[in-house]
C-alpha atoms as a PDB file:
ATOM      1  CA  MET A   1     142.523 195.610 137.007  1.00  0.00           C
ATOM      2  CA  THR A   2     145.767 196.329 138.476  1.00  0.00           C
ATOM      3  CA  HIS A   3     146.383 195.333 142.125  1.00  0.00           C
ATOM      4  CA  TYR A   4     147.600 197.770 144.618  1.00  0.00           C
ATOM      5  CA  PRO A   5     147.876 196.929 148.265  1.00  0.00           C
ATOM      6  CA  ASP A   6     145.618 198.938 150.625  1.00  0.00           C
ATOM      7  CA  LEU A   7     147.022 202.332 151.822  1.00  0.00           C
ATOM      8  CA  THR A   8     149.742 202.510 149.369  1.00  0.00           C
ATOM      9  CA  ARG A   9     150.300 205.583 147.306  1.00  0.00           C
ATOM     10  CA  TYR A  10     147.765 205.989 144.326  1.00  0.00           C
ATOM     11  CA  SER A  11     149.382 205.600 140.982  1.00  0.00           C
ATOM     12  CA  TYR A  12     146.544 204.175 138.729  1.00  0.00           C
ATOM     13  CA  ASP A  13     146.273 207.347 136.876  1.00  0.00           C
ATOM     14  CA  GLU A  14     147.838 210.710 136.808  1.00  0.00           C
ATOM     15  CA  SER A  15     146.412 212.945 139.375  1.00  0.00           C
ATOM     16  CA  ASP A  16     147.505 216.185 140.932  1.00  0.00           C
ATOM     17  CA  GLN A  17     146.530 215.136 144.423  1.00  0.00           C
ATOM     18  CA  GLU A  18     148.224 212.603 146.632  1.00  0.00           C
ATOM     19  CA  MET A  19     145.920 209.807 147.343  1.00  0.00           C
ATOM     20  CA  LEU A  20     145.964 206.388 148.987  1.00  0.00           C
ATOM     21  CA  ASN A  21     144.626 203.132 147.339  1.00  0.00           C
ATOM     22  CA  VAL A  22     141.786 201.046 148.743  1.00  0.00           C
ATOM     23  CA  GLY A  23     140.126 198.140 147.332  1.00  0.00           C
ATOM     24  CA  TRP A  24     142.173 197.366 144.304  1.00  0.00           C
ATOM     25  CA  LEU A  25     141.965 193.523 144.654  1.00  0.00           C
ATOM     26  CA  ALA A  26     143.102 190.712 142.515  1.00  0.00           C
ATOM     27  CA  PRO A  27     142.595 187.080 142.853  1.00  0.00           C
ATOM     28  CA  ASP A  28     146.211 186.234 143.150  1.00  0.00           C
ATOM     29  CA  HIS A  29     146.630 188.458 146.156  1.00  0.00           C
ATOM     30  CA  SER A  30     145.175 188.108 149.593  1.00  0.00           C
ATOM     31  CA  TYR A  31     143.023 190.814 151.035  1.00  0.00           C
ATOM     32  CA  CYS A  32     141.474 191.395 154.654  1.00  0.00           C
ATOM     33  CA  THR A  33     138.038 189.899 155.152  1.00  0.00           C
ATOM     34  CA  GLY A  34     135.496 190.602 157.726  1.00  0.00           C
ATOM     35  CA  VAL A  35     132.274 192.477 158.588  1.00  0.00           C
ATOM     36  CA  VAL A  36     131.701 195.980 157.403  1.00  0.00           C
ATOM     37  CA  ASP A  37     128.999 198.238 158.882  1.00  0.00           C
ATOM     38  CA  GLU A  38     126.097 198.920 156.646  1.00  0.00           C
ATOM     39  CA  ARG A  39     126.500 202.606 156.984  1.00  0.00           C
ATOM     40  CA  VAL A  40     129.721 202.121 155.012  1.00  0.00           C
ATOM     41  CA  VAL A  41     128.075 200.307 152.119  1.00  0.00           C
ATOM     42  CA  THR A  42     125.499 203.040 152.130  1.00  0.00           C
ATOM     43  CA  ALA A  43     127.848 205.769 151.999  1.00  0.00           C
ATOM     44  CA  LEU A  44     129.644 204.176 149.258  1.00  0.00           C
ATOM     45  CA  LYS A  45     126.532 203.733 147.127  1.00  0.00           C
ATOM     46  CA  VAL A  46     125.716 207.331 147.811  1.00  0.00           C
ATOM     47  CA  LEU A  47     129.029 208.314 146.600  1.00  0.00           C
ATOM     48  CA  SER A  48     129.232 206.024 143.624  1.00  0.00           C
ATOM     49  CA  ALA A  49     126.906 208.088 141.589  1.00  0.00           C
ATOM     50  CA  SER A  50     129.533 210.766 141.067  1.00  0.00           C
ATOM     51  CA  TYR A  51     131.595 208.425 138.772  1.00  0.00           C
ATOM     52  CA  ASP A  52     134.998 209.865 139.885  1.00  0.00           C
ATOM     53  CA  ASN A  53     137.711 209.254 137.206  1.00  0.00           C
ATOM     54  CA  GLN A  54     135.297 207.403 134.855  1.00  0.00           C
ATOM     55  CA  MET A  55     137.061 205.197 132.449  1.00  0.00           C
ATOM     56  CA  ARG A  56     135.846 204.117 128.922  1.00  0.00           C
ATOM     57  CA  GLY A  57     136.551 200.235 129.536  1.00  0.00           C
ATOM     58  CA  VAL A  58     134.848 198.090 132.094  1.00  0.00           C
ATOM     59  CA  HIS A  59     136.511 195.844 134.552  1.00  0.00           C
ATOM     60  CA  HIS A  60     134.506 192.785 135.586  1.00  0.00           C
ATOM     61  CA  CYS A  61     134.809 191.035 138.973  1.00  0.00           C
ATOM     62  CA  GLU A  62     137.723 188.491 138.817  1.00  0.00           C
ATOM     63  CA  PHE A  63     136.359 186.646 141.881  1.00  0.00           C
ATOM     64  CA  CYS A  64     133.063 185.633 140.484  1.00  0.00           C
ATOM     65  CA  ASP A  65     130.744 185.250 137.345  1.00  0.00           C
ATOM     66  CA  THR A  66     128.917 188.421 137.955  1.00  0.00           C
ATOM     67  CA  ASP A  67     129.000 190.207 134.622  1.00  0.00           C
ATOM     68  CA  ARG A  68     128.700 193.877 135.701  1.00  0.00           C
ATOM     69  CA  PRO A  69     127.194 194.732 139.103  1.00  0.00           C
ATOM     70  CA  VAL A  70     124.715 197.556 139.413  1.00  0.00           C
ATOM     71  CA  VAL A  71     123.566 199.060 142.535  1.00  0.00           C
ATOM     72  CA  LEU A  72     121.091 201.822 143.505  1.00  0.00           C
ATOM     73  CA  GLY A  73     123.035 204.840 144.678  1.00  0.00           C
ATOM     74  CA  GLY A  74     123.245 208.628 144.807  1.00  0.00           C
ATOM     75  CA  PRO A  75     121.757 210.816 147.384  1.00  0.00           C
ATOM     76  CA  ALA A  76     118.408 209.537 146.949  1.00  0.00           C
ATOM     77  CA  MET A  77     119.546 205.858 146.520  1.00  0.00           C
ATOM     78  CA  ASP A  78     117.599 205.929 143.243  1.00  0.00           C
ATOM     79  CA  THR A  79     120.215 206.156 140.547  1.00  0.00           C
ATOM     80  CA  GLU A  80     121.327 202.955 138.786  1.00  0.00           C
ATOM     81  CA  VAL A  81     125.328 202.940 139.313  1.00  0.00           C
ATOM     82  CA  TRP A  82     127.101 200.583 136.973  1.00  0.00           C
ATOM     83  CA  LEU A  83     130.209 199.199 138.891  1.00  0.00           C
ATOM     84  CA  GLY A  84     133.582 198.542 137.184  1.00  0.00           C
ATOM     85  CA  SER A  85     134.606 201.663 135.326  1.00  0.00           C
ATOM     86  CA  ALA A  86     134.857 204.483 137.893  1.00  0.00           C
ATOM     87  CA  GLU A  87     136.442 205.275 141.441  1.00  0.00           C
ATOM     88  CA  ILE A  88     135.077 206.560 144.453  1.00  0.00           C
ATOM     89  CA  ARG A  89     137.207 209.185 146.198  1.00  0.00           C
ATOM     90  CA  VAL A  90     136.942 210.125 149.802  1.00  0.00           C
ATOM     91  CA  ARG A  91     138.729 212.422 152.145  1.00  0.00           C
ATOM     92  CA  GLY A  92     139.469 211.648 155.815  1.00  0.00           C
ATOM     93  CA  ALA A  93     139.063 213.917 158.630  1.00  0.00           C
ATOM     94  CA  ASP A  94     142.784 214.414 158.584  1.00  0.00           C
ATOM     95  CA  GLY A  95     142.821 215.472 154.971  1.00  0.00           C
ATOM     96  CA  THR A  96     143.903 212.115 153.688  1.00  0.00           C
ATOM     97  CA  LEU A  97     142.356 211.409 150.215  1.00  0.00           C
ATOM     98  CA  TYR A  98     141.551 207.782 149.358  1.00  0.00           C
ATOM     99  CA  ALA A  99     140.760 206.224 145.869  1.00  0.00           C
ATOM    100  CA  ALA A 100     138.935 203.015 145.356  1.00  0.00           C
ATOM    101  CA  PRO A 101     137.428 201.308 142.260  1.00  0.00           C
ATOM    102  CA  ASN A 102     133.809 201.639 142.565  1.00  0.00           C
ATOM    103  CA  LEU A 103     133.685 197.777 142.448  1.00  0.00           C
ATOM    104  CA  VAL A 104     134.672 197.994 146.112  1.00  0.00           C
ATOM    105  CA  ILE A 105     131.090 198.101 146.804  1.00  0.00           C
ATOM    106  CA  HIS A 106     130.608 194.548 145.251  1.00  0.00           C
ATOM    107  CA  TYR A 107     133.907 193.437 146.932  1.00  0.00           C
ATOM    108  CA  ILE A 108     132.516 194.193 150.320  1.00  0.00           C
ATOM    109  CA  THR A 109     128.782 192.897 149.812  1.00  0.00           C
ATOM    110  CA  GLN A 110     129.865 189.781 147.928  1.00  0.00           C
ATOM    111  CA  HIS A 111     133.434 188.795 148.770  1.00  0.00           C
ATOM    112  CA  GLN A 112     133.586 189.935 152.352  1.00  0.00           C
ATOM    113  CA  TYR A 113     136.401 192.453 151.648  1.00  0.00           C
ATOM    114  CA  CYS A 114     137.167 194.596 154.812  1.00  0.00           C
ATOM    115  CA  PRO A 115     138.553 198.037 153.894  1.00  0.00           C
ATOM    116  CA  PRO A 116     140.838 199.684 156.175  1.00  0.00           C
ATOM    117  CA  GLU A 117     139.055 201.479 159.041  1.00  0.00           C
ATOM    118  CA  GLU A 118     140.236 204.991 158.015  1.00  0.00           C
ATOM    119  CA  PHE A 119     138.772 204.522 154.634  1.00  0.00           C
ATOM    120  CA  CYS A 120     135.513 203.602 156.144  1.00  0.00           C
ATOM    121  CA  ARG A 121     135.368 206.376 158.441  1.00  0.00           C
ATOM    122  CA  ALA A 122     136.399 208.852 155.405  1.00  0.00           C
ATOM    123  CA  ALA A 123     133.545 207.328 153.289  1.00  0.00           C
ATOM    124  CA  VAL A 124     130.716 207.751 155.986  1.00  0.00           C
ATOM    125  CA  GLY A 125     132.132 211.226 156.665  1.00  0.00           C
ATOM    126  CA  THR A 126     132.165 212.256 152.995  1.00  0.00           C
ATOM    127  CA  ALA A 127     128.586 211.086 152.554  1.00  0.00           C
ATOM    128  CA  GLY A 128     127.539 212.810 155.664  1.00  0.00           C
ATOM    129  CA  ILE A 129     126.497 209.717 157.591  1.00  0.00           C
ATOM    130  CA  GLU A 130     126.703 209.841 161.391  1.00  0.00           C
ATOM    131  CA  THR A 131     129.399 207.848 162.816  1.00  0.00           C
ATOM    132  CA  ALA A 132     129.857 206.374 166.227  1.00  0.00           C
ATOM    133  CA  GLY A 133     131.729 203.196 167.013  1.00  0.00           C
ATOM    134  CA  ALA A 134     133.603 200.710 164.835  1.00  0.00           C
ATOM    135  CA  LEU A 135     132.809 200.484 161.158  1.00  0.00           C
ATOM    136  CA  THR A 136     134.673 197.261 160.485  1.00  0.00           C
ATOM    137  CA  LEU A 137     135.514 194.005 162.109  1.00  0.00           C
ATOM    138  CA  ALA A 138     138.386 192.241 160.437  1.00  0.00           C
ATOM    139  CA  GLU A 139     138.646 188.417 160.662  1.00  0.00           C
END
């Protein structure tokens, strides 16, 4: 997978909408680590079932031996969602659109990736989960 620094202009695929990158990680680039509120993970799992920008190929995690992570997602959290071939797109309260590979869930839960707070707020808001207080604590 191509690496894009967080909050840079999205250019992975053609889109008629301006978006910002989040969670496009690669082993040869450092990334922010920390604690991410479980509401963010839940929101991303809910949103993951929509398979935005689904690709034909599969990207495997470059940080570990996990073949292809799967999570339970969707509104009822009962849909098997295979990670590594789609994106999660969320819109912030200010209208900013963010695009993250759906592997971002794995990166957060298994590799302590800490996405930018504004992306976390957008994910929680897009999923309709109540927000109060900080959603990340970067180390």
